[in-house]
Amino acid sequence: MDHRVTEQAPSWLELESVIPLESTDSKQQRTVKKITNLSGDTVTRKYPEYIVRPSDRRVGMKLKHALLIAGTKTVEAA
């Protein structure tokens, strides 16, 4: 019997969800900073085309774009 935990790929809905660039609280929350290992300022400066502002105070990015940046590190604006 195999006891390894396998991670499933995110669903379409999860990929389209907006996650915050950085978290101010210490909860175990998915953030762009944790996924890409880049600060919020760096992400905003290098990848402005992926930044989403759902409101005046909230700044984030779709999960699919954060994973794209984390996976390639050489993503360039088209």
Protein backbone atom coordinates (compact mmCIF):
# COMPACT_ATOMS: atom_id res chain seq x y z
CA MET A 1 0.00 0.00 0.00
CA ASP A 2 1.40 3.37 -1.04
CA HIS A 3 1.06 6.06 1.65
CA ARG A 4 2.56 8.92 -0.34
CA VAL A 5 0.37 11.99 -0.71
CA THR A 6 0.00 13.08 -4.29
CA GLU A 7 -0.91 16.63 -5.15
CA GLN A 8 -3.54 17.15 -7.76
CA ALA A 9 -3.20 19.82 -10.38
CA PRO A 10 -5.31 22.89 -9.59
CA SER A 11 -8.75 22.99 -11.13
CA TRP A 12 -9.72 25.59 -13.72
CA LEU A 13 -11.54 27.58 -11.05
CA GLU A 14 -8.49 27.59 -8.76
CA LEU A 15 -6.24 28.72 -11.64
CA GLU A 16 -8.57 31.65 -12.32
CA SER A 17 -8.76 32.71 -8.66
CA VAL A 18 -6.92 35.85 -7.58
CA ILE A 19 -4.36 35.41 -4.82
CA PRO A 20 -2.71 38.27 -2.91
CA LEU A 21 0.84 39.37 -3.74
CA GLU A 22 1.85 39.32 -0.08
CA SER A 23 -0.01 38.46 3.09
CA THR A 24 0.01 40.70 6.13
CA ASP A 25 -1.16 37.99 8.51
CA SER A 26 0.66 34.83 9.47
CA LYS A 27 -1.99 32.38 8.19
CA GLN A 28 -1.01 29.52 5.93
CA GLN A 29 -2.33 31.27 2.84
CA ARG A 30 -1.30 30.95 -0.77
CA THR A 31 0.45 34.13 -1.92
CA VAL A 32 2.37 35.12 -5.02
CA LYS A 33 5.42 35.74 -2.84
CA LYS A 34 5.39 32.16 -1.51
CA ILE A 35 4.84 30.62 -4.95
CA THR A 36 7.40 32.67 -6.91
CA ASN A 37 9.93 33.52 -4.17
CA LEU A 38 9.79 37.12 -5.42
CA SER A 39 8.71 40.14 -3.41
CA GLY A 40 5.48 41.93 -4.24
CA ASP A 41 7.44 44.94 -5.50
CA THR A 42 9.52 42.81 -7.86
CA VAL A 43 6.45 41.07 -9.25
CA THR A 44 4.71 44.43 -9.75
CA ARG A 45 7.74 45.89 -11.51
CA LYS A 46 8.63 42.93 -13.75
CA TYR A 47 5.17 41.52 -14.51
CA PRO A 48 2.68 44.45 -14.44
CA GLU A 49 0.53 42.81 -17.12
CA TYR A 50 -0.48 40.09 -14.64
CA ILE A 51 -1.39 42.38 -11.71
CA VAL A 52 -5.09 42.47 -10.79
CA ARG A 53 -6.67 45.08 -8.53
CA PRO A 54 -10.07 43.78 -7.35
CA SER A 55 -10.43 46.90 -5.15
CA ASP A 56 -8.41 49.95 -4.12
CA ARG A 57 -6.72 48.11 -1.26
CA ARG A 58 -6.38 44.62 -2.71
CA VAL A 59 -3.61 43.75 -5.15
CA GLY A 60 -3.13 40.27 -6.48
CA MET A 61 -2.54 37.98 -9.40
CA LYS A 62 -4.29 34.96 -10.87
CA LEU A 63 -2.87 31.69 -9.63
CA LYS A 64 -2.15 30.55 -13.20
CA HIS A 65 0.10 33.57 -13.77
CA ALA A 66 1.96 33.05 -10.48
CA LEU A 67 2.61 29.43 -11.42
CA LEU A 68 3.75 30.52 -14.89
CA ILE A 69 6.29 32.93 -13.37
CA ALA A 70 7.44 30.36 -10.81
CA GLY A 71 7.83 27.65 -13.44
CA THR A 72 9.72 29.56 -16.09
CA LYS A 73 11.38 32.56 -14.43
CA THR A 74 12.01 33.86 -17.98
CA VAL A 75 8.49 34.94 -18.84
CA GLU A 76 8.60 38.09 -20.91
CA ALA A 77 5.78 40.45 -21.76
CA ALA A 78 4.32 39.64 -25.13
